[in-house]
């Protein structure tokens, strides 16, 4: 991978698969994002986003294994949800790859030799629908009803063992494309964004079922929240 300053990227002179800007354009709770461009077959000249962790450096490809597991399992959950819900807006997860930084134009992060996540750039109106701490976008009661229903369904589908949340991304005519999801689990096995049972409780404390939940026959299926009292 190489680096450039903005979206106007020229093809790399090296064998880099991706070029990226030396300065970030956005930050989330745990990751920093850089504008980038892909140069691989099938994605040549397409916009991308390079992501790195803010609190730690990832010097091995395996350092991303938890994030990759979350993306993979969320995609699998979404595929099953799309099938059982027959939604008009199918849910998917953004395409990504894990790549190594092989050159830099300035002494900025990501660091030389660091492994980073490279995602397709999501064109459109980026929205955060649900957090991992109980917050839900008010429009999820009217315009984005499948988002909280998906989270609720994931908990029911796993018999209370997991809950997919931190849902954010875009919606277009083909459906939702999500990035940076989180999975809550009983054993807190999905890294720093996994708030475990406490996070599940926070979701259900604010979640109000819509007709979408009723259509999935999950509206009456909730945890006992007395542990939060």
C-alpha atoms as a PDB file:
ATOM      1  CA  UNK A   1       0.000   0.000   0.000  1.00  0.00           C
ATOM      2  CA  UNK A   2       1.138   3.563  -0.671  1.00  0.00           C
ATOM      3  CA  UNK A   3      -0.281   6.927   0.433  1.00  0.00           C
ATOM      4  CA  UNK A   4      -1.695  10.122  -1.144  1.00  0.00           C
ATOM      5  CA  UNK A   5      -3.374  13.219   0.269  1.00  0.00           C
ATOM      6  CA  UNK A   6      -6.984  13.103  -0.989  1.00  0.00           C
ATOM      7  CA  UNK A   7      -9.432  11.364  -3.303  1.00  0.00           C
ATOM      8  CA  UNK A   8      -7.379  12.267  -6.455  1.00  0.00           C
ATOM      9  CA  UNK A   9      -5.148   9.216  -6.492  1.00  0.00           C
ATOM     10  CA  UNK A  10      -2.896   8.161  -9.359  1.00  0.00           C
ATOM     11  CA  UNK A  11      -2.113   4.464  -9.931  1.00  0.00           C
ATOM     12  CA  UNK A  12       0.837   3.392  -7.744  1.00  0.00           C
ATOM     13  CA  UNK A  13       4.328   2.912  -9.151  1.00  0.00           C
ATOM     14  CA  UNK A  14       4.855  -0.091  -6.889  1.00  0.00           C
ATOM     15  CA  UNK A  15       2.830  -3.285  -6.552  1.00  0.00           C
ATOM     16  CA  UNK A  16       0.555  -1.636  -3.979  1.00  0.00           C
ATOM     17  CA  UNK A  17      -3.039  -2.865  -3.980  1.00  0.00           C
ATOM     18  CA  UNK A  18      -4.306   0.338  -2.324  1.00  0.00           C
ATOM     19  CA  UNK A  19      -3.154   3.942  -1.956  1.00  0.00           C
ATOM     20  CA  UNK A  20      -4.357   6.057   0.968  1.00  0.00           C
ATOM     21  CA  UNK A  21      -4.206   9.609   2.300  1.00  0.00           C
ATOM     22  CA  UNK A  22      -1.699  10.293   5.104  1.00  0.00           C
ATOM     23  CA  UNK A  23      -4.265  12.088   7.254  1.00  0.00           C
ATOM     24  CA  UNK A  24      -7.533  10.629   8.561  1.00  0.00           C
ATOM     25  CA  UNK A  25     -10.933  12.064   7.665  1.00  0.00           C
ATOM     26  CA  UNK A  26     -13.055  10.368  10.350  1.00  0.00           C
ATOM     27  CA  UNK A  27     -12.808   8.602  13.698  1.00  0.00           C
ATOM     28  CA  UNK A  28     -15.122   6.181  15.466  1.00  0.00           C
ATOM     29  CA  UNK A  29     -15.037   4.814  18.983  1.00  0.00           C
ATOM     30  CA  UNK A  30     -12.006   2.629  18.319  1.00  0.00           C
ATOM     31  CA  UNK A  31     -10.817   3.172  14.724  1.00  0.00           C
ATOM     32  CA  UNK A  32      -9.480   5.938  12.515  1.00  0.00           C
ATOM     33  CA  UNK A  33     -10.384   6.136   8.795  1.00  0.00           C
ATOM     34  CA  UNK A  34      -8.387   7.339   5.765  1.00  0.00           C
ATOM     35  CA  UNK A  35      -9.524   8.036   2.201  1.00  0.00           C
ATOM     36  CA  UNK A  36      -8.109   5.471  -0.199  1.00  0.00           C
ATOM     37  CA  UNK A  37      -8.242   4.035  -3.712  1.00  0.00           C
ATOM     38  CA  UNK A  38      -8.045   0.395  -4.780  1.00  0.00           C
ATOM     39  CA  UNK A  39      -5.921  -0.841  -7.706  1.00  0.00           C
ATOM     40  CA  UNK A  40      -6.744  -4.550  -7.744  1.00  0.00           C
ATOM     41  CA  UNK A  41      -8.519  -6.360 -10.606  1.00  0.00           C
ATOM     42  CA  UNK A  42     -12.264  -5.906 -10.369  1.00  0.00           C
ATOM     43  CA  UNK A  43     -11.910  -2.827  -8.128  1.00  0.00           C
ATOM     44  CA  UNK A  44      -9.361  -0.817 -10.116  1.00  0.00           C
ATOM     45  CA  UNK A  45      -9.761   2.904  -9.495  1.00  0.00           C
ATOM     46  CA  UNK A  46     -12.586   2.538  -6.962  1.00  0.00           C
ATOM     47  CA  UNK A  47     -12.809   4.500  -3.722  1.00  0.00           C
ATOM     48  CA  UNK A  48     -12.039   2.759  -0.463  1.00  0.00           C
ATOM     49  CA  UNK A  49     -11.467   3.455   3.225  1.00  0.00           C
ATOM     50  CA  UNK A  50      -8.409   2.345   5.191  1.00  0.00           C
ATOM     51  CA  UNK A  51      -9.042   1.742   8.893  1.00  0.00           C
ATOM     52  CA  UNK A  52      -6.654   1.352  11.800  1.00  0.00           C
ATOM     53  CA  UNK A  53      -7.122   0.977  15.536  1.00  0.00           C
ATOM     54  CA  UNK A  54      -6.497   4.193  17.471  1.00  0.00           C
ATOM     55  CA  UNK A  55      -5.289   2.640  20.734  1.00  0.00           C
ATOM     56  CA  UNK A  56      -3.033  -0.082  19.372  1.00  0.00           C
ATOM     57  CA  UNK A  57      -0.880  -0.980  16.381  1.00  0.00           C
ATOM     58  CA  UNK A  58      -1.577  -4.144  14.410  1.00  0.00           C
ATOM     59  CA  UNK A  59       1.762  -5.607  13.427  1.00  0.00           C
ATOM     60  CA  UNK A  60       0.321  -9.005  12.467  1.00  0.00           C
ATOM     61  CA  UNK A  61      -2.475  -9.865  10.072  1.00  0.00           C
ATOM     62  CA  UNK A  62      -4.033 -11.987  12.802  1.00  0.00           C
ATOM     63  CA  UNK A  63      -4.551  -8.890  14.944  1.00  0.00           C
ATOM     64  CA  UNK A  64      -7.701  -8.305  12.882  1.00  0.00           C
ATOM     65  CA  UNK A  65      -9.150 -11.765  13.509  1.00  0.00           C
ATOM     66  CA  UNK A  66     -11.808 -10.544  15.974  1.00  0.00           C
ATOM     67  CA  UNK A  67     -12.983  -7.821  13.584  1.00  0.00           C
ATOM     68  CA  UNK A  68     -13.040 -10.300  10.701  1.00  0.00           C
ATOM     69  CA  UNK A  69     -15.057 -12.732  12.795  1.00  0.00           C
ATOM     70  CA  UNK A  70     -17.602  -9.996  13.601  1.00  0.00           C
ATOM     71  CA  UNK A  71     -17.947  -9.040   9.923  1.00  0.00           C
ATOM     72  CA  UNK A  72     -18.267 -12.675   8.837  1.00  0.00           C
ATOM     73  CA  UNK A  73     -20.861 -13.611  11.450  1.00  0.00           C
ATOM     74  CA  UNK A  74     -22.875 -10.422  10.921  1.00  0.00           C
ATOM     75  CA  UNK A  75     -22.991 -11.178   7.202  1.00  0.00           C
ATOM     76  CA  UNK A  76     -24.218 -14.716   7.984  1.00  0.00           C
ATOM     77  CA  UNK A  77     -26.856 -13.396  10.402  1.00  0.00           C
ATOM     78  CA  UNK A  78     -27.983 -10.888   7.769  1.00  0.00           C
ATOM     79  CA  UNK A  79     -28.333 -13.549   5.082  1.00  0.00           C
ATOM     80  CA  UNK A  80     -30.596 -15.647   7.331  1.00  0.00           C
ATOM     81  CA  UNK A  81     -32.575 -12.578   8.409  1.00  0.00           C
ATOM     82  CA  UNK A  82     -33.121 -11.549   4.787  1.00  0.00           C
ATOM     83  CA  UNK A  83     -34.467 -15.003   4.028  1.00  0.00           C
ATOM     84  CA  UNK A  84     -36.905 -15.274   6.933  1.00  0.00           C
ATOM     85  CA  UNK A  85     -38.072 -11.652   6.878  1.00  0.00           C
ATOM     86  CA  UNK A  86     -38.487 -11.234   3.115  1.00  0.00           C
ATOM     87  CA  UNK A  87     -37.497  -7.596   3.652  1.00  0.00           C
ATOM     88  CA  UNK A  88     -37.640  -5.039   0.863  1.00  0.00           C
ATOM     89  CA  UNK A  89     -34.218  -3.805   1.951  1.00  0.00           C
ATOM     90  CA  UNK A  90     -31.857  -6.792   2.315  1.00  0.00           C
ATOM     91  CA  UNK A  91     -28.957  -6.323   4.724  1.00  0.00           C
ATOM     92  CA  UNK A  92     -25.325  -6.927   3.774  1.00  0.00           C
ATOM     93  CA  UNK A  93     -21.860  -6.105   5.143  1.00  0.00           C
ATOM     94  CA  UNK A  94     -19.281  -4.074   3.234  1.00  0.00           C
ATOM     95  CA  UNK A  95     -16.524  -5.907   1.335  1.00  0.00           C
ATOM     96  CA  UNK A  96     -13.100  -5.647   2.959  1.00  0.00           C
ATOM     97  CA  UNK A  97      -9.561  -6.971   2.893  1.00  0.00           C
ATOM     98  CA  UNK A  98      -6.644  -6.959   5.355  1.00  0.00           C
ATOM     99  CA  UNK A  99      -3.510  -5.386   3.832  1.00  0.00           C
ATOM    100  CA  UNK A 100      -0.017  -4.420   4.947  1.00  0.00           C
ATOM    101  CA  UNK A 101       1.395  -0.872   4.678  1.00  0.00           C
ATOM    102  CA  UNK A 102       4.506  -1.117   2.472  1.00  0.00           C
ATOM    103  CA  UNK A 103       5.356   2.580   1.927  1.00  0.00           C
ATOM    104  CA  UNK A 104       4.607   6.063   3.282  1.00  0.00           C
ATOM    105  CA  UNK A 105       4.962   9.567   1.886  1.00  0.00           C
ATOM    106  CA  UNK A 106       5.037  11.202   5.330  1.00  0.00           C
ATOM    107  CA  UNK A 107       5.588  10.088   8.908  1.00  0.00           C
ATOM    108  CA  UNK A 108       1.888   9.655   9.625  1.00  0.00           C
ATOM    109  CA  UNK A 109      -0.211   6.724  10.690  1.00  0.00           C
ATOM    110  CA  UNK A 110      -0.919   4.020   9.585  1.00  0.00           C
ATOM    111  CA  UNK A 111       2.648   3.014  10.321  1.00  0.00           C
ATOM    112  CA  UNK A 112       4.996   1.326   7.897  1.00  0.00           C
ATOM    113  CA  UNK A 113       4.602  -2.435   8.321  1.00  0.00           C
ATOM    114  CA  UNK A 114       1.219  -2.147  10.041  1.00  0.00           C
ATOM    115  CA  UNK A 115      -1.739  -4.274   8.918  1.00  0.00           C
ATOM    116  CA  UNK A 116      -4.945  -2.341   8.236  1.00  0.00           C
ATOM    117  CA  UNK A 117      -8.497  -3.041   7.133  1.00  0.00           C
ATOM    118  CA  UNK A 118      -9.470  -1.792   3.667  1.00  0.00           C
ATOM    119  CA  UNK A 119     -13.186  -1.453   2.920  1.00  0.00           C
ATOM    120  CA  UNK A 120     -15.166  -0.354  -0.108  1.00  0.00           C
ATOM    121  CA  UNK A 121     -16.190   3.280   0.265  1.00  0.00           C
ATOM    122  CA  UNK A 122     -19.925   3.507   0.968  1.00  0.00           C
ATOM    123  CA  UNK A 123     -21.444   6.042  -1.435  1.00  0.00           C
ATOM    124  CA  UNK A 124     -24.601   7.644  -0.077  1.00  0.00           C
ATOM    125  CA  UNK A 125     -26.122   9.051   3.082  1.00  0.00           C
ATOM    126  CA  UNK A 126     -24.170   7.398   5.892  1.00  0.00           C
ATOM    127  CA  UNK A 127     -26.306   6.783   8.980  1.00  0.00           C
ATOM    128  CA  UNK A 128     -25.851   5.260  12.420  1.00  0.00           C
ATOM    129  CA  UNK A 129     -29.002   3.310  13.242  1.00  0.00           C
ATOM    130  CA  UNK A 130     -28.200   1.515  16.496  1.00  0.00           C
ATOM    131  CA  UNK A 131     -25.264   1.748  18.897  1.00  0.00           C
ATOM    132  CA  UNK A 132     -23.936  -0.979  21.213  1.00  0.00           C
ATOM    133  CA  UNK A 133     -25.126   0.832  24.355  1.00  0.00           C
ATOM    134  CA  UNK A 134     -28.889   1.105  23.856  1.00  0.00           C
ATOM    135  CA  UNK A 135     -29.112   4.198  21.644  1.00  0.00           C
ATOM    136  CA  UNK A 136     -31.456   3.848  18.657  1.00  0.00           C
ATOM    137  CA  UNK A 137     -31.991   6.447  15.955  1.00  0.00           C
ATOM    138  CA  UNK A 138     -35.578   7.777  16.350  1.00  0.00           C
ATOM    139  CA  UNK A 139     -36.290   7.202  12.643  1.00  0.00           C
ATOM    140  CA  UNK A 140     -35.818   3.463  13.237  1.00  0.00           C
ATOM    141  CA  UNK A 141     -39.436   3.469  14.428  1.00  0.00           C
ATOM    142  CA  UNK A 142     -40.632   4.627  11.000  1.00  0.00           C
ATOM    143  CA  UNK A 143     -38.074   4.679   8.173  1.00  0.00           C
ATOM    144  CA  UNK A 144     -35.455   2.100   9.194  1.00  0.00           C
ATOM    145  CA  UNK A 145     -37.579  -0.442  11.042  1.00  0.00           C
ATOM    146  CA  UNK A 146     -35.589  -3.447   9.877  1.00  0.00           C
ATOM    147  CA  UNK A 147     -32.492  -2.313  11.802  1.00  0.00           C
ATOM    148  CA  UNK A 148     -33.802  -2.764  15.383  1.00  0.00           C
ATOM    149  CA  UNK A 149     -35.796  -5.782  14.213  1.00  0.00           C
ATOM    150  CA  UNK A 150     -32.559  -7.354  12.923  1.00  0.00           C
ATOM    151  CA  UNK A 151     -30.847  -6.789  16.284  1.00  0.00           C
ATOM    152  CA  UNK A 152     -33.848  -8.217  18.190  1.00  0.00           C
ATOM    153  CA  UNK A 153     -34.096 -11.188  15.821  1.00  0.00           C
ATOM    154  CA  UNK A 154     -30.374 -11.993  16.217  1.00  0.00           C
ATOM    155  CA  UNK A 155     -30.868 -12.312  19.983  1.00  0.00           C
ATOM    156  CA  UNK A 156     -33.913 -14.557  19.549  1.00  0.00           C
ATOM    157  CA  UNK A 157     -32.237 -16.603  16.821  1.00  0.00           C
ATOM    158  CA  UNK A 158     -29.276 -17.393  19.096  1.00  0.00           C
ATOM    159  CA  UNK A 159     -31.526 -18.056  22.111  1.00  0.00           C
ATOM    160  CA  UNK A 160     -30.115 -15.052  23.923  1.00  0.00           C
ATOM    161  CA  UNK A 161     -26.454 -15.891  23.390  1.00  0.00           C
ATOM    162  CA  UNK A 162     -25.637 -13.076  20.932  1.00  0.00           C
ATOM    163  CA  UNK A 163     -27.023  -9.770  19.685  1.00  0.00           C
ATOM    164  CA  UNK A 164     -25.851  -7.931  16.558  1.00  0.00           C
ATOM    165  CA  UNK A 165     -25.747  -4.152  17.072  1.00  0.00           C
ATOM    166  CA  UNK A 166     -23.741  -0.994  16.352  1.00  0.00           C
ATOM    167  CA  UNK A 167     -25.496  -0.988  12.989  1.00  0.00           C
ATOM    168  CA  UNK A 168     -24.319   1.777  10.673  1.00  0.00           C
ATOM    169  CA  UNK A 169     -23.861   2.333   6.976  1.00  0.00           C
ATOM    170  CA  UNK A 170     -26.010   3.294   4.002  1.00  0.00           C
ATOM    171  CA  UNK A 171     -29.324   2.276   2.474  1.00  0.00           C
ATOM    172  CA  UNK A 172     -29.922   2.442  -1.254  1.00  0.00           C
ATOM    173  CA  UNK A 173     -32.441   0.869  -3.627  1.00  0.00           C
ATOM    174  CA  UNK A 174     -30.716  -2.524  -3.248  1.00  0.00           C
ATOM    175  CA  UNK A 175     -30.784  -2.525   0.564  1.00  0.00           C
ATOM    176  CA  UNK A 176     -28.485  -1.809   3.494  1.00  0.00           C
ATOM    177  CA  UNK A 177     -24.687  -2.072   3.469  1.00  0.00           C
ATOM    178  CA  UNK A 178     -23.250  -2.031   6.986  1.00  0.00           C
ATOM    179  CA  UNK A 179     -19.788  -1.367   8.347  1.00  0.00           C
ATOM    180  CA  UNK A 180     -18.165  -1.711  11.782  1.00  0.00           C
ATOM    181  CA  UNK A 181     -20.930  -3.784  13.399  1.00  0.00           C
ATOM    182  CA  UNK A 182     -20.607  -5.183  16.909  1.00  0.00           C
ATOM    183  CA  UNK A 183     -21.758  -8.481  18.389  1.00  0.00           C
ATOM    184  CA  UNK A 184     -22.687  -8.765  22.057  1.00  0.00           C
ATOM    185  CA  UNK A 185     -22.199 -12.186  23.643  1.00  0.00           C
ATOM    186  CA  UNK A 186     -22.671 -13.874  27.000  1.00  0.00           C
ATOM    187  CA  UNK A 187     -18.940 -14.586  27.308  1.00  0.00           C
ATOM    188  CA  UNK A 188     -17.775 -11.213  25.891  1.00  0.00           C
ATOM    189  CA  UNK A 189     -15.867 -12.957  23.108  1.00  0.00           C
ATOM    190  CA  UNK A 190     -16.002 -10.192  20.461  1.00  0.00           C
ATOM    191  CA  UNK A 191     -13.524  -7.631  21.690  1.00  0.00           C
ATOM    192  CA  UNK A 192     -13.829  -4.143  23.144  1.00  0.00           C
ATOM    193  CA  UNK A 193     -17.217  -3.315  21.566  1.00  0.00           C
ATOM    194  CA  UNK A 194     -18.815  -6.437  23.080  1.00  0.00           C
ATOM    195  CA  UNK A 195     -20.634  -5.121  26.152  1.00  0.00           C
ATOM    196  CA  UNK A 196     -21.958  -8.610  26.913  1.00  0.00           C
ATOM    197  CA  UNK A 197     -25.164  -9.073  28.920  1.00  0.00           C
ATOM    198  CA  UNK A 198     -25.136  -5.457  30.057  1.00  0.00           C
ATOM    199  CA  UNK A 199     -25.217  -4.265  26.440  1.00  0.00           C
ATOM    200  CA  UNK A 200     -28.059  -6.652  25.623  1.00  0.00           C
ATOM    201  CA  UNK A 201     -30.034  -5.254  28.533  1.00  0.00           C
ATOM    202  CA  UNK A 202     -29.421  -1.691  27.394  1.00  0.00           C
ATOM    203  CA  UNK A 203     -30.742  -2.545  23.932  1.00  0.00           C
ATOM    204  CA  UNK A 204     -33.961  -4.066  25.257  1.00  0.00           C
ATOM    205  CA  UNK A 205     -34.487  -1.225  27.719  1.00  0.00           C
ATOM    206  CA  UNK A 206     -34.928   1.174  24.793  1.00  0.00           C
ATOM    207  CA  UNK A 207     -36.166  -1.175  22.052  1.00  0.00           C
ATOM    208  CA  UNK A 208     -39.786  -0.781  21.020  1.00  0.00           C
ATOM    209  CA  UNK A 209     -41.100  -3.489  18.740  1.00  0.00           C
ATOM    210  CA  UNK A 210     -42.676  -2.416  15.450  1.00  0.00           C
ATOM    211  CA  UNK A 211     -44.827  -4.345  12.996  1.00  0.00           C
ATOM    212  CA  UNK A 212     -41.585  -5.793  11.641  1.00  0.00           C
ATOM    213  CA  UNK A 213     -40.918  -7.534  14.957  1.00  0.00           C
ATOM    214  CA  UNK A 214     -44.533  -8.726  15.045  1.00  0.00           C
ATOM    215  CA  UNK A 215     -44.207 -10.174  11.538  1.00  0.00           C
ATOM    216  CA  UNK A 216     -41.172 -12.178  12.705  1.00  0.00           C
ATOM    217  CA  UNK A 217     -43.081 -13.430  15.771  1.00  0.00           C
ATOM    218  CA  UNK A 218     -40.415 -12.107  18.134  1.00  0.00           C
ATOM    219  CA  UNK A 219     -42.201  -9.168  19.779  1.00  0.00           C
ATOM    220  CA  UNK A 220     -42.915 -11.061  23.017  1.00  0.00           C
ATOM    221  CA  UNK A 221     -39.467 -12.578  23.293  1.00  0.00           C
ATOM    222  CA  UNK A 222     -37.285 -10.468  25.566  1.00  0.00           C
ATOM    223  CA  UNK A 223     -34.825 -11.045  28.409  1.00  0.00           C
ATOM    224  CA  UNK A 224     -35.618 -10.581  32.077  1.00  0.00           C
ATOM    225  CA  UNK A 225     -34.127  -7.178  32.861  1.00  0.00           C
ATOM    226  CA  UNK A 226     -34.363  -7.360  36.665  1.00  0.00           C
ATOM    227  CA  UNK A 227     -30.573  -7.779  36.825  1.00  0.00           C
ATOM    228  CA  UNK A 228     -30.250  -4.122  35.841  1.00  0.00           C
ATOM    229  CA  UNK A 229     -32.395  -2.808  38.685  1.00  0.00           C
END
